[in-house]
Amino acid sequence: MKYDAEVKISLKKGMLNPEAATIQRALALLKYQVEETQTIKIIKFTMEGDGEELVRQKVDEMCQRLLCNPVIHNYEIGINPEE
């Protein structure tokens, strides 16, 4: 069965995020006041697997080994059967 996987990656609290800081400053210059800005990277792909839980485990392994750095990043995994 095929599954759609989505991984949302963000920096952990306390980590410097220059991209978010730049966005927040630019918004302030345009007279938009926002309290907190965060950037998130979203990676989507489709893969085959023998059940949602096994696919989730494989995607978690991908995150640990390649897609993010668990020391500085948080990540959320979404798995849905492909329609």
N, C-alpha and C. Protein backbone atom coordinates (compact mmCIF):
# COMPACT_ATOMS: atom_id res chain seq x y z
N MET A 1 0.84 -1.18 0.00
CA MET A 1 0.00 0.00 0.00
C MET A 1 0.89 1.24 0.00
N LYS A 2 0.43 2.30 -0.66
CA LYS A 2 1.18 3.55 -0.70
C LYS A 2 0.67 4.51 0.37
N TYR A 3 1.60 5.28 0.92
CA TYR A 3 1.27 6.25 1.96
C TYR A 3 1.89 7.60 1.61
N ASP A 4 1.16 8.66 1.91
CA ASP A 4 1.69 10.02 1.81
C ASP A 4 2.28 10.37 3.16
N ALA A 5 3.53 10.80 3.15
CA ALA A 5 4.21 11.19 4.39
C ALA A 5 4.51 12.68 4.34
N GLU A 6 4.36 13.32 5.49
CA GLU A 6 4.68 14.74 5.62
C GLU A 6 5.48 14.93 6.90
N VAL A 7 6.62 15.56 6.77
CA VAL A 7 7.49 15.83 7.93
C VAL A 7 7.60 17.34 8.08
N LYS A 8 7.23 17.85 9.26
CA LYS A 8 7.38 19.27 9.56
C LYS A 8 8.57 19.42 10.51
N ILE A 9 9.54 20.21 10.10
CA ILE A 9 10.77 20.38 10.86
C ILE A 9 10.89 21.83 11.31
N SER A 10 11.14 22.02 12.61
CA SER A 10 11.32 23.36 13.14
C SER A 10 12.48 23.34 14.14
N LEU A 11 13.03 24.53 14.38
CA LEU A 11 14.11 24.63 15.37
C LEU A 11 13.54 24.52 16.78
N LYS A 12 14.29 23.91 17.66
CA LYS A 12 13.87 23.82 19.06
C LYS A 12 13.89 25.21 19.69
N LYS A 13 13.11 25.38 20.72
CA LYS A 13 13.04 26.64 21.44
C LYS A 13 14.44 26.99 21.97
N GLY A 14 14.82 28.23 21.80
CA GLY A 14 16.12 28.68 22.27
C GLY A 14 17.21 28.66 21.20
N MET A 15 16.93 28.02 20.07
CA MET A 15 17.91 27.99 18.98
C MET A 15 17.77 29.29 18.17
N LEU A 16 18.88 29.83 17.70
CA LEU A 16 18.84 31.03 16.88
C LEU A 16 18.19 30.72 15.54
N ASN A 17 17.29 31.61 15.12
CA ASN A 17 16.59 31.43 13.85
C ASN A 17 16.67 32.74 13.07
N PRO A 18 17.78 32.95 12.36
CA PRO A 18 17.95 34.23 11.66
C PRO A 18 16.89 34.49 10.60
N GLU A 19 16.41 33.46 9.96
CA GLU A 19 15.36 33.64 8.94
C GLU A 19 14.09 34.21 9.57
N ALA A 20 13.67 33.64 10.70
CA ALA A 20 12.47 34.12 11.38
C ALA A 20 12.67 35.54 11.90
N ALA A 21 13.87 35.84 12.40
CA ALA A 21 14.15 37.18 12.90
C ALA A 21 14.07 38.22 11.78
N THR A 22 14.58 37.86 10.61
CA THR A 22 14.53 38.76 9.45
C THR A 22 13.10 39.01 9.02
N ILE A 23 12.30 37.96 8.99
CA ILE A 23 10.88 38.10 8.63
C ILE A 23 10.17 39.01 9.62
N GLN A 24 10.42 38.80 10.91
CA GLN A 24 9.76 39.61 11.93
C GLN A 24 10.15 41.08 11.81
N ARG A 25 11.43 41.36 11.55
CA ARG A 25 11.87 42.76 11.37
C ARG A 25 11.23 43.38 10.14
N ALA A 26 11.17 42.63 9.05
CA ALA A 26 10.56 43.15 7.82
C ALA A 26 9.08 43.43 8.02
N LEU A 27 8.38 42.57 8.72
CA LEU A 27 6.97 42.81 9.00
C LEU A 27 6.78 44.07 9.85
N ALA A 28 7.68 44.27 10.81
CA ALA A 28 7.60 45.47 11.65
C ALA A 28 7.81 46.73 10.80
N LEU A 29 8.73 46.68 9.85
CA LEU A 29 8.94 47.83 8.96
C LEU A 29 7.72 48.13 8.11
N LEU A 30 6.93 47.09 7.83
CA LEU A 30 5.69 47.26 7.07
C LEU A 30 4.50 47.56 7.98
N LYS A 31 4.79 47.83 9.26
CA LYS A 31 3.78 48.21 10.26
C LYS A 31 2.87 47.04 10.68
N TYR A 32 3.38 45.82 10.56
CA TYR A 32 2.66 44.65 11.09
C TYR A 32 3.38 44.21 12.35
N GLN A 33 2.64 44.14 13.43
CA GLN A 33 3.23 43.73 14.70
C GLN A 33 2.89 42.26 14.97
N VAL A 34 3.90 41.44 15.02
CA VAL A 34 3.71 40.03 15.36
C VAL A 34 4.56 39.73 16.59
N GLU A 35 4.05 38.88 17.44
CA GLU A 35 4.74 38.60 18.70
C GLU A 35 5.87 37.60 18.54
N GLU A 36 5.64 36.57 17.74
CA GLU A 36 6.66 35.54 17.58
C GLU A 36 6.61 35.01 16.15
N THR A 37 7.77 34.81 15.57
CA THR A 37 7.85 34.28 14.22
C THR A 37 8.66 32.99 14.27
N GLN A 38 8.17 31.99 13.56
CA GLN A 38 8.86 30.71 13.50
C GLN A 38 8.83 30.23 12.05
N THR A 39 9.91 29.65 11.60
CA THR A 39 9.91 29.07 10.26
C THR A 39 9.87 27.55 10.39
N ILE A 40 9.18 26.92 9.46
CA ILE A 40 9.03 25.47 9.46
C ILE A 40 9.32 24.96 8.05
N LYS A 41 10.10 23.92 7.97
CA LYS A 41 10.36 23.25 6.69
C LYS A 41 9.41 22.06 6.61
N ILE A 42 8.73 21.90 5.47
CA ILE A 42 7.82 20.77 5.27
C ILE A 42 8.36 19.93 4.12
N ILE A 43 8.53 18.65 4.38
CA ILE A 43 8.99 17.71 3.36
C ILE A 43 7.88 16.70 3.15
N LYS A 44 7.45 16.53 1.89
CA LYS A 44 6.38 15.59 1.57
C LYS A 44 6.90 14.56 0.57
N PHE A 45 6.49 13.32 0.76
CA PHE A 45 6.83 12.27 -0.20
C PHE A 45 5.85 11.12 -0.06
N THR A 46 5.87 10.22 -1.05
CA THR A 46 5.02 9.04 -1.05
C THR A 46 5.92 7.81 -0.99
N MET A 47 5.52 6.84 -0.18
CA MET A 47 6.30 5.61 -0.10
C MET A 47 5.40 4.41 0.12
N GLU A 48 5.90 3.26 -0.22
CA GLU A 48 5.15 2.03 -0.02
C GLU A 48 5.54 1.42 1.32
N GLY A 49 4.58 0.70 1.92
CA GLY A 49 4.86 0.05 3.18
C GLY A 49 3.76 -0.91 3.57
N ASP A 50 4.07 -1.72 4.55
CA ASP A 50 3.14 -2.73 5.05
C ASP A 50 2.46 -2.25 6.33
N GLY A 51 1.77 -1.15 6.24
CA GLY A 51 1.05 -0.63 7.40
C GLY A 51 1.56 0.73 7.82
N GLU A 52 0.64 1.51 8.35
CA GLU A 52 0.95 2.89 8.72
C GLU A 52 2.04 2.98 9.78
N GLU A 53 2.01 2.11 10.77
CA GLU A 53 2.99 2.18 11.85
C GLU A 53 4.40 1.86 11.35
N LEU A 54 4.53 0.88 10.45
CA LEU A 54 5.85 0.57 9.89
C LEU A 54 6.38 1.72 9.03
N VAL A 55 5.49 2.36 8.28
CA VAL A 55 5.89 3.51 7.48
C VAL A 55 6.33 4.64 8.40
N ARG A 56 5.59 4.88 9.48
CA ARG A 56 5.95 5.93 10.44
C ARG A 56 7.34 5.66 11.03
N GLN A 57 7.63 4.41 11.35
CA GLN A 57 8.94 4.06 11.90
C GLN A 57 10.05 4.33 10.89
N LYS A 58 9.81 4.00 9.63
CA LYS A 58 10.81 4.26 8.59
C LYS A 58 11.03 5.76 8.41
N VAL A 59 9.95 6.53 8.42
CA VAL A 59 10.09 7.99 8.26
C VAL A 59 10.82 8.57 9.46
N ASP A 60 10.54 8.07 10.65
CA ASP A 60 11.25 8.53 11.85
C ASP A 60 12.74 8.24 11.72
N GLU A 61 13.07 7.08 11.20
CA GLU A 61 14.48 6.74 10.98
C GLU A 61 15.11 7.69 9.97
N MET A 62 14.36 8.01 8.90
CA MET A 62 14.85 8.97 7.91
C MET A 62 15.15 10.32 8.56
N CYS A 63 14.26 10.75 9.45
CA CYS A 63 14.45 12.03 10.14
C CYS A 63 15.71 11.99 11.00
N GLN A 64 15.88 10.90 11.74
CA GLN A 64 17.03 10.77 12.64
C GLN A 64 18.36 10.72 11.87
N ARG A 65 18.33 10.09 10.69
CA ARG A 65 19.57 9.86 9.95
C ARG A 65 19.90 10.94 8.93
N LEU A 66 18.87 11.63 8.37
CA LEU A 66 19.16 12.54 7.27
C LEU A 66 18.38 13.84 7.28
N LEU A 67 17.07 13.77 7.47
CA LEU A 67 16.22 14.93 7.23
C LEU A 67 16.38 16.05 8.25
N CYS A 68 16.76 15.73 9.46
CA CYS A 68 16.94 16.79 10.46
C CYS A 68 18.01 16.40 11.46
N ASN A 69 18.37 17.36 12.28
CA ASN A 69 19.33 17.14 13.36
C ASN A 69 18.55 17.13 14.66
N PRO A 70 18.33 15.95 15.27
CA PRO A 70 17.51 15.87 16.48
C PRO A 70 18.03 16.70 17.66
N VAL A 71 19.28 17.13 17.60
CA VAL A 71 19.83 17.96 18.67
C VAL A 71 19.24 19.37 18.62
N ILE A 72 19.00 19.90 17.42
CA ILE A 72 18.51 21.28 17.31
C ILE A 72 17.11 21.39 16.72
N HIS A 73 16.58 20.30 16.17
CA HIS A 73 15.27 20.34 15.51
C HIS A 73 14.22 19.51 16.23
N ASN A 74 13.00 19.99 16.18
CA ASN A 74 11.81 19.20 16.50
C ASN A 74 11.21 18.79 15.16
N TYR A 75 10.52 17.66 15.15
CA TYR A 75 9.84 17.28 13.92
C TYR A 75 8.56 16.53 14.24
N GLU A 76 7.59 16.70 13.34
CA GLU A 76 6.30 16.01 13.43
C GLU A 76 6.12 15.21 12.15
N ILE A 77 5.62 14.01 12.31
CA ILE A 77 5.42 13.13 11.17
C ILE A 77 3.91 12.91 10.99
N GLY A 78 3.45 13.08 9.75
CA GLY A 78 2.06 12.77 9.40
C GLY A 78 2.07 11.70 8.33
N ILE A 79 1.28 10.64 8.53
CA ILE A 79 1.20 9.54 7.58
C ILE A 79 -0.28 9.34 7.22
N ASN A 80 -0.58 9.30 5.92
CA ASN A 80 -1.95 9.06 5.46
C ASN A 80 -1.91 8.09 4.29
N PRO A 81 -2.84 7.12 4.26
CA PRO A 81 -2.92 6.24 3.10
C PRO A 81 -3.22 7.04 1.85
N GLU A 82 -2.54 6.72 0.75
CA GLU A 82 -2.78 7.42 -0.50
C GLU A 82 -4.12 7.00 -1.07
N GLU A 83 -4.85 7.97 -1.58
CA GLU A 83 -6.19 7.68 -2.14
C GLU A 83 -6.12 7.42 -3.61
